[in-house]
């Protein structure tokens, strides 16, 4: 896709995406604990941990973009901002509902969600790990900063930068879900996969909005890159910790060596692949823009499936 070089604030004035009035209540209410294929307990707990991050994460995204909405003068970017907010509101609602069900099934989704609501992202167990991991070597500054910034409240521009960085994460993982049959096949419950595919489609659709707003209001490169480093650290600790802790506390992990088999199976998980890491690392390039990874054909194919009951795409080329 060609990115415009005019003075307009949006990178693609013609980019349009809907706010879908959609509900997965029936799917969520009927969800079984074994929703991952092949007794993959790690995949189950990773999905639950990620879902736990979404409701309050999406609200932060909404608030960060809303804070600067009056500074958006481009009518097309303003239209995209409004659609972005509408989509994120629905994401938050559906994942809050999902987190309730996952918690009933024994997952840590509500624990993750509630820790974000209390502004206590780091649990005592996570803090113990951080203290050990940051005692020596290149992570010492991280440990010192965590202790010094215990009550750190980011400025609005940093929250917007964090939003743009985390949107790059969600859009990259979304593209991976929509293009990697290996990842799609890890869902045993195909109705549950449909919920995650819907979320992935919308993450691809609005992936440039927060980034364009950040540039439009004068966000600088140093803050943008710092926000990406912060986002990476937070996601690694929160999602990683709750995935591992949940799996270790899950009785299913110790039946027929399920956890060992799950670890072995996840060596090929696209979410841990070099391709994903390379895509994420692109964000640090000074000339980076989300639309450089063109997903318009992918979005169109999956929209036909989601919105028009068309055939499910076999695999869209990345």
Protein backbone atom coordinates (compact mmCIF):
# COMPACT_ATOMS: atom_id res chain seq x y z
CA UNK A 1 0.00 0.00 0.00
CA UNK A 2 1.28 3.47 -0.89
CA UNK A 3 1.53 5.74 2.14
CA UNK A 4 0.59 9.33 1.43
CA UNK A 5 3.24 12.00 1.76
CA UNK A 6 0.93 15.04 1.96
CA UNK A 7 0.45 17.21 5.02
CA UNK A 8 -2.63 15.27 6.02
CA UNK A 9 -2.53 13.67 9.45
CA UNK A 10 -3.76 10.25 8.38
CA UNK A 11 -1.43 7.95 6.49
CA UNK A 12 -4.31 6.54 4.43
CA UNK A 13 -7.34 8.84 3.99
CA UNK A 14 -9.35 6.10 2.28
CA UNK A 15 -8.84 3.51 5.00
CA UNK A 16 -12.29 2.65 6.34
CA UNK A 17 -13.39 0.02 8.84
CA UNK A 18 -16.68 -0.68 10.61
CA UNK A 19 -17.69 -0.75 14.26
CA UNK A 20 -19.28 -4.18 14.40
CA UNK A 21 -22.21 -4.79 16.74
CA UNK A 22 -21.18 -8.31 17.63
CA UNK A 23 -21.48 -10.57 20.67
CA UNK A 24 -19.86 -13.90 21.53
CA UNK A 25 -21.91 -14.50 24.66
CA UNK A 26 -23.13 -17.92 23.54
CA UNK A 27 -19.61 -19.03 22.60
CA UNK A 28 -18.17 -17.81 25.89
CA UNK A 29 -20.90 -19.34 28.05
CA UNK A 30 -20.37 -22.73 26.41
CA UNK A 31 -16.57 -22.65 26.50
CA UNK A 32 -14.82 -25.74 27.84
CA UNK A 33 -11.52 -25.66 29.74
CA UNK A 34 -9.80 -27.73 27.05
CA UNK A 35 -10.14 -25.18 24.26
CA UNK A 36 -6.64 -25.75 22.86
CA UNK A 37 -5.87 -28.69 20.60
CA UNK A 38 -3.73 -31.65 21.70
CA UNK A 39 -4.04 -30.93 25.46
CA UNK A 40 -1.82 -27.87 24.99
CA UNK A 41 -1.93 -26.46 28.52
CA UNK A 42 0.60 -23.71 27.79
CA UNK A 43 -1.50 -22.43 24.90
CA UNK A 44 -4.59 -22.42 27.12
CA UNK A 45 -2.88 -20.38 29.82
CA UNK A 46 -1.24 -18.01 27.31
CA UNK A 47 -4.64 -17.26 25.75
CA UNK A 48 -6.11 -16.66 29.23
CA UNK A 49 -3.25 -14.34 30.23
CA UNK A 50 -3.57 -12.31 27.03
CA UNK A 51 -7.32 -12.04 27.45
CA UNK A 52 -6.77 -10.78 31.00
CA UNK A 53 -4.71 -7.90 29.61
CA UNK A 54 -7.28 -6.71 27.10
CA UNK A 55 -10.16 -5.01 28.97
CA UNK A 56 -8.09 -2.42 30.83
CA UNK A 57 -5.49 -2.32 28.09
CA UNK A 58 -8.19 -1.41 25.56
CA UNK A 59 -9.53 1.25 27.95
CA UNK A 60 -6.06 2.77 28.22
CA UNK A 61 -5.88 2.87 24.41
CA UNK A 62 -9.25 4.62 24.23
CA UNK A 63 -8.34 7.18 26.89
CA UNK A 64 -4.92 7.87 25.34
CA UNK A 65 -6.37 8.57 21.89
CA UNK A 66 -9.39 10.47 23.24
CA UNK A 67 -7.06 12.82 25.13
CA UNK A 68 -5.72 14.14 21.81
CA UNK A 69 -8.84 13.82 19.67
CA UNK A 70 -9.46 17.58 19.65
CA UNK A 71 -5.98 18.08 18.15
CA UNK A 72 -6.86 15.87 15.20
CA UNK A 73 -7.82 18.28 12.42
CA UNK A 74 -7.89 15.81 9.53
CA UNK A 75 -11.52 14.68 9.08
CA UNK A 76 -10.43 11.28 7.81
CA UNK A 77 -8.18 10.62 10.79
CA UNK A 78 -10.94 11.84 13.11
CA UNK A 79 -13.31 9.35 11.45
CA UNK A 80 -10.75 6.60 11.93
CA UNK A 81 -10.26 7.60 15.59
CA UNK A 82 -13.99 7.29 16.21
CA UNK A 83 -14.07 3.84 14.58
CA UNK A 84 -10.98 2.81 16.56
CA UNK A 85 -12.70 3.77 19.82
CA UNK A 86 -15.87 1.92 18.83
CA UNK A 87 -13.97 -1.26 18.04
CA UNK A 88 -11.92 -1.10 21.23
CA UNK A 89 -15.03 -0.64 23.37
CA UNK A 90 -16.43 -3.89 21.96
CA UNK A 91 -13.11 -5.70 22.47
CA UNK A 92 -13.05 -4.67 26.11
CA UNK A 93 -16.64 -5.75 26.70
CA UNK A 94 -16.25 -9.17 25.10
CA UNK A 95 -12.94 -9.94 26.81
CA UNK A 96 -14.27 -8.89 30.19
CA UNK A 97 -17.06 -11.39 29.68
CA UNK A 98 -14.54 -13.99 28.49
CA UNK A 99 -12.31 -13.39 31.52
CA UNK A 100 -15.20 -14.19 33.84
CA UNK A 101 -15.74 -17.52 32.10
CA UNK A 102 -12.04 -18.37 31.98
CA UNK A 103 -11.76 -17.68 35.70
CA UNK A 104 -14.67 -20.08 36.32
CA UNK A 105 -12.66 -22.68 34.41
CA UNK A 106 -9.61 -22.16 36.64
CA UNK A 107 -7.53 -19.72 34.59
CA UNK A 108 -5.80 -16.57 35.87
CA UNK A 109 -7.57 -14.14 33.51
CA UNK A 110 -9.39 -12.20 36.23
CA UNK A 111 -6.26 -12.11 38.36
CA UNK A 112 -4.45 -10.37 35.51
CA UNK A 113 -7.38 -8.05 34.88
CA UNK A 114 -7.81 -7.10 38.54
CA UNK A 115 -4.10 -6.43 39.01
CA UNK A 116 -4.28 -3.85 36.22
CA UNK A 117 -7.36 -2.26 37.79
CA UNK A 118 -5.49 -1.87 41.10
CA UNK A 119 -2.41 -0.48 39.31
CA UNK A 120 -0.51 -3.42 40.80
CA UNK A 121 0.72 -5.04 37.61
CA UNK A 122 3.57 -6.83 39.38
CA UNK A 123 2.40 -9.56 41.75
CA UNK A 124 4.64 -10.44 44.73
CA UNK A 125 5.86 -13.52 42.86
CA UNK A 126 6.74 -11.45 39.80
CA UNK A 127 8.59 -8.92 41.95
CA UNK A 128 10.72 -11.69 43.46
CA UNK A 129 11.65 -12.87 39.97
CA UNK A 130 12.47 -9.32 38.86
CA UNK A 131 14.68 -8.72 41.90
CA UNK A 132 16.73 -11.80 41.05
CA UNK A 133 16.81 -11.16 37.29
CA UNK A 134 17.84 -7.52 37.67
CA UNK A 135 20.44 -7.91 40.39
CA UNK A 136 23.33 -8.26 37.96
CA UNK A 137 24.16 -7.59 34.36
CA UNK A 138 22.40 -5.43 31.75
CA UNK A 139 19.04 -5.51 33.53
CA UNK A 140 20.26 -3.72 36.67
CA UNK A 141 18.95 -0.37 35.43
CA UNK A 142 15.53 -1.91 34.86
CA UNK A 143 15.31 -3.14 38.44
CA UNK A 144 16.43 0.24 39.78
CA UNK A 145 13.86 2.04 37.63
CA UNK A 146 11.04 -0.23 38.79
CA UNK A 147 11.89 0.53 42.41
CA UNK A 148 12.26 4.27 41.83
CA UNK A 149 9.15 4.57 39.64
CA UNK A 150 6.83 2.50 41.83
CA UNK A 151 4.25 5.29 41.70
CA UNK A 152 5.21 6.52 38.25
CA UNK A 153 2.28 7.98 36.31
CA UNK A 154 3.03 8.41 32.62
CA UNK A 155 2.33 11.70 30.87
CA UNK A 156 -0.48 11.63 28.27
CA UNK A 157 2.02 11.60 25.40
CA UNK A 158 3.74 8.55 26.90
CA UNK A 159 0.39 6.78 27.23
CA UNK A 160 -0.25 7.52 23.57
CA UNK A 161 3.22 6.23 22.68
CA UNK A 162 2.54 3.07 24.71
CA UNK A 163 -0.76 2.68 22.89
CA UNK A 164 0.95 2.91 19.50
CA UNK A 165 3.60 0.39 20.60
CA UNK A 166 1.09 -2.10 22.01
CA UNK A 167 -1.05 -1.73 18.89
CA UNK A 168 2.00 -2.87 16.94
CA UNK A 169 2.13 -5.95 19.17
CA UNK A 170 -1.55 -6.76 18.78
CA UNK A 171 -1.54 -6.13 15.02
CA UNK A 172 1.56 -8.28 14.51
CA UNK A 173 0.11 -11.16 16.52
CA UNK A 174 -3.23 -10.68 14.73
CA UNK A 175 -1.58 -10.97 11.34
CA UNK A 176 0.19 -14.11 12.54
CA UNK A 177 -3.12 -15.66 13.61
CA UNK A 178 -4.77 -14.89 10.26
CA UNK A 179 -1.88 -16.15 8.12
CA UNK A 180 -0.46 -19.13 10.01
CA UNK A 181 -2.49 -22.37 9.75
CA UNK A 182 -0.19 -23.82 12.43
CA UNK A 183 -1.49 -21.22 14.89
CA UNK A 184 -5.11 -21.55 13.79
CA UNK A 185 -4.97 -25.30 14.32
CA UNK A 186 -4.04 -24.82 17.97
CA UNK A 187 -7.68 -23.99 18.71
CA UNK A 188 -9.74 -27.10 19.39
CA UNK A 189 -12.94 -25.04 19.65
CA UNK A 190 -13.53 -23.43 16.25
CA UNK A 191 -16.27 -21.16 17.55
CA UNK A 192 -13.77 -19.82 20.06
CA UNK A 193 -11.27 -19.37 17.22
CA UNK A 194 -13.89 -17.23 15.46
CA UNK A 195 -13.90 -14.83 18.41
CA UNK A 196 -10.11 -14.45 18.27
CA UNK A 197 -10.20 -14.12 14.47
CA UNK A 198 -12.75 -11.28 14.79
CA UNK A 199 -10.46 -9.50 17.24
CA UNK A 200 -7.48 -10.09 14.95
CA UNK A 201 -9.28 -8.67 11.91
CA UNK A 202 -10.11 -5.48 13.78
CA UNK A 203 -6.58 -5.11 15.15
CA UNK A 204 -5.30 -5.21 11.58
CA UNK A 205 -7.96 -2.75 10.43
CA UNK A 206 -7.13 -0.02 12.96
CA UNK A 207 -3.42 -0.70 13.49
CA UNK A 208 -2.27 2.70 12.18
CA UNK A 209 -4.68 4.97 14.07
CA UNK A 210 -2.84 5.50 17.36
CA UNK A 211 0.47 5.80 15.48
CA UNK A 212 -0.96 8.49 13.18
CA UNK A 213 -2.41 10.41 16.13
CA UNK A 214 0.96 10.21 17.90
CA UNK A 215 2.71 11.71 14.88
CA UNK A 216 -0.04 14.30 14.36
CA UNK A 217 0.34 15.71 17.89
CA UNK A 218 4.13 15.93 17.66
CA UNK A 219 5.25 12.75 19.43
CA UNK A 220 9.03 12.35 19.24
CA UNK A 221 11.09 9.35 18.20
CA UNK A 222 12.89 8.89 21.52
CA UNK A 223 9.60 8.57 23.43
CA UNK A 224 8.17 6.27 20.76
CA UNK A 225 11.08 3.84 21.05
CA UNK A 226 11.21 4.05 24.84
CA UNK A 227 7.51 3.17 24.94
CA UNK A 228 8.18 0.08 22.81
CA UNK A 229 10.88 -1.09 25.22
CA UNK A 230 8.53 -0.56 28.16
CA UNK A 231 5.72 -2.41 26.39
CA UNK A 232 8.00 -5.34 25.60
CA UNK A 233 9.18 -5.62 29.21
CA UNK A 234 5.64 -5.41 30.60
CA UNK A 235 4.20 -7.98 28.20
CA UNK A 236 7.06 -10.40 28.72
CA UNK A 237 6.74 -10.31 32.50
CA UNK A 238 2.95 -10.22 32.80
CA UNK A 239 1.91 -12.65 30.07
CA UNK A 240 4.94 -14.89 30.60
CA UNK A 241 4.60 -15.07 34.35
CA UNK A 242 0.88 -15.81 34.41
CA UNK A 243 1.19 -18.36 31.61
CA UNK A 244 3.90 -20.31 33.41
CA UNK A 245 2.38 -19.91 36.89
CA UNK A 246 -1.02 -21.00 35.62
CA UNK A 247 0.37 -24.05 33.84
CA UNK A 248 2.40 -25.14 36.88
CA UNK A 249 -0.70 -24.94 39.08
CA UNK A 250 -2.90 -26.79 36.58
CA UNK A 251 -3.50 -30.44 37.49
CA UNK A 252 -3.83 -31.30 33.80
CA UNK A 253 -0.13 -30.46 33.36
CA UNK A 254 0.86 -33.58 35.27
CA UNK A 255 -1.39 -36.07 33.53
CA UNK A 256 0.48 -38.12 30.94
CA UNK A 257 3.30 -35.53 30.99
CA UNK A 258 0.98 -32.98 29.37
CA UNK A 259 3.12 -30.00 30.32
CA UNK A 260 6.29 -31.57 28.92
CA UNK A 261 4.48 -32.39 25.68
CA UNK A 262 3.06 -28.87 25.58
CA UNK A 263 6.50 -27.29 25.98
CA UNK A 264 7.85 -29.48 23.18
CA UNK A 265 4.90 -28.64 20.90
CA UNK A 266 5.28 -24.91 21.47
CA UNK A 267 8.81 -24.87 20.12
CA UNK A 268 7.04 -24.43 16.75
CA UNK A 269 4.41 -21.96 17.95
CA UNK A 270 4.36 -19.01 15.50
CA UNK A 271 3.85 -16.66 18.46
CA UNK A 272 7.40 -17.52 19.58
CA UNK A 273 8.91 -17.52 16.09
CA UNK A 274 11.80 -15.54 14.70
CA UNK A 275 9.44 -14.06 12.10
CA UNK A 276 7.28 -12.54 14.83
CA UNK A 277 10.31 -11.13 16.65
CA UNK A 278 11.61 -9.57 13.45
CA UNK A 279 8.26 -7.95 12.72
CA UNK A 280 8.12 -6.53 16.23
CA UNK A 281 11.69 -5.23 15.97
CA UNK A 282 10.73 -3.22 12.87
CA UNK A 283 9.10 -0.74 15.23
CA UNK A 284 12.51 0.58 16.25
CA UNK A 285 13.36 1.70 12.70
CA UNK A 286 13.26 5.50 12.35
CA UNK A 287 11.18 5.20 9.15
CA UNK A 288 8.71 2.67 10.55
CA UNK A 289 4.98 2.92 9.89
CA UNK A 290 2.37 0.21 10.63
CA UNK A 291 1.02 0.25 7.07
CA UNK A 292 4.39 -0.85 5.71
CA UNK A 293 3.14 -4.33 6.58
CA UNK A 294 0.27 -4.38 4.10
CA UNK A 295 -2.61 -6.52 5.37
CA UNK A 296 -5.40 -5.14 3.15
CA UNK A 297 -5.81 -8.41 1.22
CA UNK A 298 -5.77 -10.42 4.45
CA UNK A 299 -8.39 -8.12 6.00
CA UNK A 300 -10.62 -8.33 2.92
CA UNK A 301 -10.50 -12.14 2.81
CA UNK A 302 -11.32 -12.55 6.48
CA UNK A 303 -13.99 -9.81 6.39
CA UNK A 304 -15.84 -11.80 3.72
CA UNK A 305 -15.75 -14.76 6.11
CA UNK A 306 -16.76 -12.81 9.22
CA UNK A 307 -19.21 -10.25 7.87
CA UNK A 308 -20.66 -11.98 4.80
CA UNK A 309 -20.51 -15.66 5.78
CA UNK A 310 -18.09 -16.31 2.94
CA UNK A 311 -15.62 -19.20 2.82
CA UNK A 312 -12.95 -19.29 5.48
CA UNK A 313 -9.58 -18.35 3.99
CA UNK A 314 -7.19 -21.29 3.84
CA UNK A 315 -4.16 -19.09 4.43
CA UNK A 316 -3.59 -15.51 3.34
CA UNK A 317 -0.08 -14.71 2.18
CA UNK A 318 1.71 -12.39 4.59
